[in-house]
Amino acid sequence: CTAIILKENEIESFLGKTGIKPRLVVTDSQAFGKVNAVIPEEIPLTGFSIVLARQKGDFDAYLRGTPKIGELKDGDRVLLLESCTHNVSCDDIGRFKIPRWLTNFTGKKLEFDTVAGLDAFPRPVEDYALVIQCGGCMVTHRQLVNRLRDPKKHNVPITNYGMAIAYVHGIFHRATEPFTRKARKAGDLV
């Protein structure tokens, strides 16, 4: 396998000049809009957070929970779970970008709570209409499963950052397809 690393503004030129047709494109979920626009439909596309969801998250629960974004109502509360503790920037994905994208997509007045690391939830989990877990790059599968046990027990829909971002950008099916489609022929991604 050969991995080719490009910035999103280099993709179109690279594909045109080389004629290389990647077997899979994996992007930062924050760049889904730009990357989706330049990657031909026949080339599978996903995001790092979705790869992590498949590797160590609760992928099937995320697949079921993500479409609940389209059912959010005014006043619904959304819990964002960051597994690590990091320095928050003015354009932080969990604290600013995802809330902005969800609000714009739904057109609803939503309430957001963010929890970093393994801190306690600020209110009972059943107060939330949706829980969005980060990719979990800094934690183990077991830690993610344990973190999501309470929302699942209370039937609160869960998703992850990458799937939620793909959904609001209109590419949820495309971004999850590398992990949900049946192999069409030997050698296809499954």
C-alpha atoms as a PDB file:
ATOM      1  CA  CYS A   1       0.000   0.000   0.000  1.00  0.00           C
ATOM      2  CA  THR A   2       1.256   3.454  -0.829  1.00  0.00           C
ATOM      3  CA  ALA A   3      -0.022   6.372   1.193  1.00  0.00           C
ATOM      4  CA  ILE A   4      -0.044   9.761  -0.500  1.00  0.00           C
ATOM      5  CA  ILE A   5      -0.511  12.786   1.734  1.00  0.00           C
ATOM      6  CA  LEU A   6      -1.879  15.993   0.247  1.00  0.00           C
ATOM      7  CA  LYS A   7      -3.419  19.236   1.427  1.00  0.00           C
ATOM      8  CA  GLU A   8      -6.996  19.718   0.294  1.00  0.00           C
ATOM      9  CA  ASN A   9      -5.948  22.437  -2.196  1.00  0.00           C
ATOM     10  CA  GLU A  10      -3.483  19.993  -3.860  1.00  0.00           C
ATOM     11  CA  ILE A  11      -5.908  17.127  -4.567  1.00  0.00           C
ATOM     12  CA  GLU A  12      -7.447  18.257  -7.825  1.00  0.00           C
ATOM     13  CA  SER A  13      -4.072  19.067  -9.405  1.00  0.00           C
ATOM     14  CA  PHE A  14      -2.557  15.782  -8.206  1.00  0.00           C
ATOM     15  CA  LEU A  15      -5.405  13.679  -9.604  1.00  0.00           C
ATOM     16  CA  GLY A  16      -5.315  15.539 -12.929  1.00  0.00           C
ATOM     17  CA  LYS A  17      -1.546  15.389 -13.395  1.00  0.00           C
ATOM     18  CA  THR A  18      -0.882  11.829 -12.255  1.00  0.00           C
ATOM     19  CA  GLY A  19      -3.977   9.932 -13.318  1.00  0.00           C
ATOM     20  CA  ILE A  20      -3.689   7.988 -10.052  1.00  0.00           C
ATOM     21  CA  LYS A  21      -7.041   6.747  -8.791  1.00  0.00           C
ATOM     22  CA  PRO A  22      -6.747   6.116  -5.027  1.00  0.00           C
ATOM     23  CA  ARG A  23      -8.454   3.028  -3.585  1.00  0.00           C
ATOM     24  CA  LEU A  24      -9.524   5.142  -0.592  1.00  0.00           C
ATOM     25  CA  VAL A  25      -9.325   8.781   0.467  1.00  0.00           C
ATOM     26  CA  VAL A  26      -9.211   9.513   4.202  1.00  0.00           C
ATOM     27  CA  THR A  27      -9.550  13.161   5.192  1.00  0.00           C
ATOM     28  CA  ASP A  28      -9.864  15.195   8.321  1.00  0.00           C
ATOM     29  CA  SER A  29     -13.630  15.404   8.848  1.00  0.00           C
ATOM     30  CA  GLN A  30     -13.413  19.187   9.049  1.00  0.00           C
ATOM     31  CA  ALA A  31     -12.391  19.205   5.367  1.00  0.00           C
ATOM     32  CA  PHE A  32     -15.265  16.976   4.147  1.00  0.00           C
ATOM     33  CA  GLY A  33     -16.914  19.769   2.171  1.00  0.00           C
ATOM     34  CA  LYS A  34     -13.771  20.712   0.226  1.00  0.00           C
ATOM     35  CA  VAL A  35     -12.509  17.171  -0.294  1.00  0.00           C
ATOM     36  CA  ASN A  36     -15.900  15.765  -1.309  1.00  0.00           C
ATOM     37  CA  ALA A  37     -16.142  18.450  -4.001  1.00  0.00           C
ATOM     38  CA  VAL A  38     -12.915  17.320  -5.741  1.00  0.00           C
ATOM     39  CA  ILE A  39     -12.861  13.541  -5.216  1.00  0.00           C
ATOM     40  CA  PRO A  40     -14.772  11.713  -7.972  1.00  0.00           C
ATOM     41  CA  GLU A  41     -17.771   9.713  -6.711  1.00  0.00           C
ATOM     42  CA  GLU A  42     -16.259   6.395  -7.755  1.00  0.00           C
ATOM     43  CA  ILE A  43     -13.372   6.873  -5.296  1.00  0.00           C
ATOM     44  CA  PRO A  44     -14.318   5.883  -1.727  1.00  0.00           C
ATOM     45  CA  LEU A  45     -14.062   8.746   0.765  1.00  0.00           C
ATOM     46  CA  THR A  46     -14.126   8.715   4.560  1.00  0.00           C
ATOM     47  CA  GLY A  47     -12.681  10.625   7.505  1.00  0.00           C
ATOM     48  CA  PHE A  48     -10.141   9.839  10.226  1.00  0.00           C
ATOM     49  CA  SER A  49     -12.819  10.030  12.906  1.00  0.00           C
ATOM     50  CA  ILE A  50     -14.955   7.512  11.017  1.00  0.00           C
ATOM     51  CA  VAL A  51     -11.971   5.163  10.665  1.00  0.00           C
ATOM     52  CA  LEU A  52     -11.478   5.447  14.431  1.00  0.00           C
ATOM     53  CA  ALA A  53     -15.206   4.839  14.977  1.00  0.00           C
ATOM     54  CA  ARG A  54     -14.912   1.615  12.995  1.00  0.00           C
ATOM     55  CA  GLN A  55     -11.687   0.612  14.741  1.00  0.00           C
ATOM     56  CA  LYS A  56     -12.608   1.214  18.362  1.00  0.00           C
ATOM     57  CA  GLY A  57     -15.934   2.991  18.725  1.00  0.00           C
ATOM     58  CA  ASP A  58     -19.468   1.615  18.660  1.00  0.00           C
ATOM     59  CA  PHE A  59     -19.784   1.881  14.899  1.00  0.00           C
ATOM     60  CA  ASP A  60     -23.247   0.338  14.565  1.00  0.00           C
ATOM     61  CA  ALA A  61     -24.701   2.548  17.306  1.00  0.00           C
ATOM     62  CA  TYR A  62     -23.141   5.591  15.629  1.00  0.00           C
ATOM     63  CA  LEU A  63     -24.702   4.576  12.290  1.00  0.00           C
ATOM     64  CA  ARG A  64     -28.134   4.336  13.939  1.00  0.00           C
ATOM     65  CA  GLY A  65     -27.716   7.518  15.990  1.00  0.00           C
ATOM     66  CA  THR A  66     -26.391   9.907  13.364  1.00  0.00           C
ATOM     67  CA  PRO A  67     -29.665  10.365  11.418  1.00  0.00           C
ATOM     68  CA  LYS A  68     -31.274  11.579  14.673  1.00  0.00           C
ATOM     69  CA  ILE A  69     -29.555  14.893  13.898  1.00  0.00           C
ATOM     70  CA  GLY A  70     -32.348  15.507  11.400  1.00  0.00           C
ATOM     71  CA  GLU A  71     -34.939  15.048  14.174  1.00  0.00           C
ATOM     72  CA  LEU A  72     -33.522  17.580  16.656  1.00  0.00           C
ATOM     73  CA  LYS A  73     -36.003  20.167  17.902  1.00  0.00           C
ATOM     74  CA  ASP A  74     -35.788  23.627  19.428  1.00  0.00           C
ATOM     75  CA  GLY A  75     -34.484  23.399  22.973  1.00  0.00           C
ATOM     76  CA  ASP A  76     -32.907  19.952  22.525  1.00  0.00           C
ATOM     77  CA  ARG A  77     -29.656  19.462  24.398  1.00  0.00           C
ATOM     78  CA  VAL A  78     -26.613  17.885  22.717  1.00  0.00           C
ATOM     79  CA  LEU A  79     -23.653  16.475  24.669  1.00  0.00           C
ATOM     80  CA  LEU A  80     -20.234  16.572  23.005  1.00  0.00           C
ATOM     81  CA  LEU A  81     -17.652  14.197  24.477  1.00  0.00           C
ATOM     82  CA  GLU A  82     -13.979  14.946  23.954  1.00  0.00           C
ATOM     83  CA  SER A  83     -11.868  12.032  25.123  1.00  0.00           C
ATOM     84  CA  CYS A  84      -8.714  14.067  25.589  1.00  0.00           C
ATOM     85  CA  THR A  85      -7.957  17.298  27.314  1.00  0.00           C
ATOM     86  CA  HIS A  86      -6.401  19.814  24.957  1.00  0.00           C
ATOM     87  CA  ASN A  87      -5.908  23.529  24.645  1.00  0.00           C
ATOM     88  CA  VAL A  88      -9.154  24.951  23.317  1.00  0.00           C
ATOM     89  CA  SER A  89      -8.785  27.264  20.337  1.00  0.00           C
ATOM     90  CA  CYS A  90     -11.219  29.883  19.092  1.00  0.00           C
ATOM     91  CA  ASP A  91     -12.324  27.528  16.302  1.00  0.00           C
ATOM     92  CA  ASP A  92     -12.334  24.283  18.313  1.00  0.00           C
ATOM     93  CA  ILE A  93     -14.178  21.479  16.538  1.00  0.00           C
ATOM     94  CA  GLY A  94     -16.183  20.209  19.519  1.00  0.00           C
ATOM     95  CA  ARG A  95     -16.931  23.519  21.175  1.00  0.00           C
ATOM     96  CA  PHE A  96     -17.525  25.758  18.181  1.00  0.00           C
ATOM     97  CA  LYS A  97     -17.571  24.108  14.744  1.00  0.00           C
ATOM     98  CA  ILE A  98     -19.886  21.148  15.387  1.00  0.00           C
ATOM     99  CA  PRO A  99     -22.388  23.242  17.375  1.00  0.00           C
ATOM    100  CA  ARG A 100     -22.381  25.836  14.560  1.00  0.00           C
ATOM    101  CA  TRP A 101     -22.809  23.182  11.845  1.00  0.00           C
ATOM    102  CA  LEU A 102     -25.635  21.446  13.750  1.00  0.00           C
ATOM    103  CA  THR A 103     -27.436  24.718  14.408  1.00  0.00           C
ATOM    104  CA  ASN A 104     -27.129  25.791  10.766  1.00  0.00           C
ATOM    105  CA  PHE A 105     -28.169  22.369   9.466  1.00  0.00           C
ATOM    106  CA  THR A 106     -31.206  21.950  11.721  1.00  0.00           C
ATOM    107  CA  GLY A 107     -32.243  25.601  11.880  1.00  0.00           C
ATOM    108  CA  LYS A 108     -33.095  24.921  15.535  1.00  0.00           C
ATOM    109  CA  LYS A 109     -32.074  26.591  18.772  1.00  0.00           C
ATOM    110  CA  LEU A 110     -30.045  23.836  20.400  1.00  0.00           C
ATOM    111  CA  GLU A 111     -28.238  23.725  23.743  1.00  0.00           C
ATOM    112  CA  PHE A 112     -24.720  22.254  23.894  1.00  0.00           C
ATOM    113  CA  ASP A 113     -22.628  20.847  26.730  1.00  0.00           C
ATOM    114  CA  THR A 114     -19.035  19.700  26.244  1.00  0.00           C
ATOM    115  CA  VAL A 115     -17.164  17.298  28.503  1.00  0.00           C
ATOM    116  CA  ALA A 116     -13.401  16.796  28.204  1.00  0.00           C
ATOM    117  CA  GLY A 117     -11.449  13.749  29.322  1.00  0.00           C
ATOM    118  CA  LEU A 118     -13.301  11.528  31.745  1.00  0.00           C
ATOM    119  CA  ASP A 119     -15.116  14.352  33.554  1.00  0.00           C
ATOM    120  CA  ALA A 120     -18.670  13.681  34.729  1.00  0.00           C
ATOM    121  CA  PHE A 121     -21.616  14.665  32.576  1.00  0.00           C
ATOM    122  CA  PRO A 122     -22.986  18.058  33.692  1.00  0.00           C
ATOM    123  CA  ARG A 123     -26.585  16.768  33.856  1.00  0.00           C
ATOM    124  CA  PRO A 124     -28.386  13.416  33.709  1.00  0.00           C
ATOM    125  CA  VAL A 125     -27.739  11.717  30.377  1.00  0.00           C
ATOM    126  CA  GLU A 126     -31.455  11.338  29.686  1.00  0.00           C
ATOM    127  CA  ASP A 127     -31.638  15.164  29.422  1.00  0.00           C
ATOM    128  CA  TYR A 128     -29.805  14.894  26.083  1.00  0.00           C
ATOM    129  CA  ALA A 129     -31.378  14.341  22.686  1.00  0.00           C
ATOM    130  CA  LEU A 130     -28.016  13.304  21.208  1.00  0.00           C
ATOM    131  CA  VAL A 131     -24.482  12.455  22.341  1.00  0.00           C
ATOM    132  CA  ILE A 132     -21.566  13.086  19.968  1.00  0.00           C
ATOM    133  CA  GLN A 133     -18.296  11.325  20.834  1.00  0.00           C
ATOM    134  CA  CYS A 134     -14.973  12.466  19.366  1.00  0.00           C
ATOM    135  CA  GLY A 135     -12.926   9.985  17.339  1.00  0.00           C
ATOM    136  CA  GLY A 136     -11.209   8.775  20.481  1.00  0.00           C
ATOM    137  CA  CYS A 137      -7.663   8.810  19.158  1.00  0.00           C
ATOM    138  CA  MET A 138      -6.211   9.182  22.665  1.00  0.00           C
ATOM    139  CA  VAL A 139      -8.221   6.434  24.399  1.00  0.00           C
ATOM    140  CA  THR A 140      -8.804   2.707  24.096  1.00  0.00           C
ATOM    141  CA  HIS A 141     -11.801   0.848  22.739  1.00  0.00           C
ATOM    142  CA  ARG A 142     -12.732  -0.152  26.289  1.00  0.00           C
ATOM    143  CA  GLN A 143     -12.667   3.471  27.465  1.00  0.00           C
ATOM    144  CA  LEU A 144     -14.969   4.502  24.613  1.00  0.00           C
ATOM    145  CA  VAL A 145     -17.378   1.648  25.274  1.00  0.00           C
ATOM    146  CA  ASN A 146     -17.476   2.518  28.978  1.00  0.00           C
ATOM    147  CA  ARG A 147     -17.988   6.218  28.229  1.00  0.00           C
ATOM    148  CA  LEU A 148     -21.003   5.469  26.051  1.00  0.00           C
ATOM    149  CA  ARG A 149     -22.554   2.820  28.298  1.00  0.00           C
ATOM    150  CA  ASP A 150     -24.883   5.253  30.126  1.00  0.00           C
ATOM    151  CA  PRO A 151     -26.251   7.001  26.994  1.00  0.00           C
ATOM    152  CA  LYS A 152     -26.930   3.608  25.401  1.00  0.00           C
ATOM    153  CA  LYS A 153     -28.590   2.318  28.588  1.00  0.00           C
ATOM    154  CA  HIS A 154     -30.975   5.299  28.469  1.00  0.00           C
ATOM    155  CA  ASN A 155     -31.566   4.984  24.696  1.00  0.00           C
ATOM    156  CA  VAL A 156     -29.949   8.345  23.969  1.00  0.00           C
ATOM    157  CA  PRO A 157     -28.777   8.299  20.335  1.00  0.00           C
ATOM    158  CA  ILE A 158     -24.997   8.471  19.897  1.00  0.00           C
ATOM    159  CA  THR A 159     -22.777   9.392  16.984  1.00  0.00           C
ATOM    160  CA  ASN A 160     -19.226  10.544  16.544  1.00  0.00           C
ATOM    161  CA  TYR A 161     -17.642  13.737  15.301  1.00  0.00           C
ATOM    162  CA  GLY A 162     -16.836  12.429  11.813  1.00  0.00           C
ATOM    163  CA  MET A 163     -20.244  10.891  11.174  1.00  0.00           C
ATOM    164  CA  ALA A 164     -22.046  13.988  12.467  1.00  0.00           C
ATOM    165  CA  ILE A 165     -19.924  16.249  10.258  1.00  0.00           C
ATOM    166  CA  ALA A 166     -20.495  14.003   7.230  1.00  0.00           C
ATOM    167  CA  TYR A 167     -24.250  14.058   7.914  1.00  0.00           C
ATOM    168  CA  VAL A 168     -24.536  17.846   8.056  1.00  0.00           C
ATOM    169  CA  HIS A 169     -22.414  18.118   4.891  1.00  0.00           C
ATOM    170  CA  GLY A 170     -24.758  15.715   3.069  1.00  0.00           C
ATOM    171  CA  ILE A 171     -22.202  12.928   2.597  1.00  0.00           C
ATOM    172  CA  PHE A 172     -23.011  10.543   5.449  1.00  0.00           C
ATOM    173  CA  HIS A 173     -23.674   7.590   3.133  1.00  0.00           C
ATOM    174  CA  ARG A 174     -20.531   8.204   1.092  1.00  0.00           C
ATOM    175  CA  ALA A 175     -18.319   8.669   4.158  1.00  0.00           C
ATOM    176  CA  THR A 176     -19.515   5.473   5.852  1.00  0.00           C
ATOM    177  CA  GLU A 177     -19.821   3.333   2.726  1.00  0.00           C
ATOM    178  CA  PRO A 178     -16.228   2.015   2.814  1.00  0.00           C
ATOM    179  CA  PHE A 179     -17.247   0.202   6.018  1.00  0.00           C
ATOM    180  CA  THR A 180     -20.864  -0.663   5.257  1.00  0.00           C
ATOM    181  CA  ARG A 181     -20.940  -1.915   1.682  1.00  0.00           C
ATOM    182  CA  LYS A 182     -20.515  -5.529   0.729  1.00  0.00           C
ATOM    183  CA  ALA A 183     -17.467  -6.354  -1.343  1.00  0.00           C
ATOM    184  CA  ARG A 184     -18.413  -6.148  -5.003  1.00  0.00           C
ATOM    185  CA  LYS A 185     -15.431  -8.191  -6.113  1.00  0.00           C
ATOM    186  CA  ALA A 186     -12.311  -9.666  -4.593  1.00  0.00           C
ATOM    187  CA  GLY A 187      -9.995  -6.938  -3.330  1.00  0.00           C
ATOM    188  CA  ASP A 188     -12.652  -4.292  -2.671  1.00  0.00           C
ATOM    189  CA  LEU A 189     -12.595  -2.526   0.675  1.00  0.00           C
ATOM    190  CA  VAL A 190     -15.006  -4.051   3.140  1.00  0.00           C
END
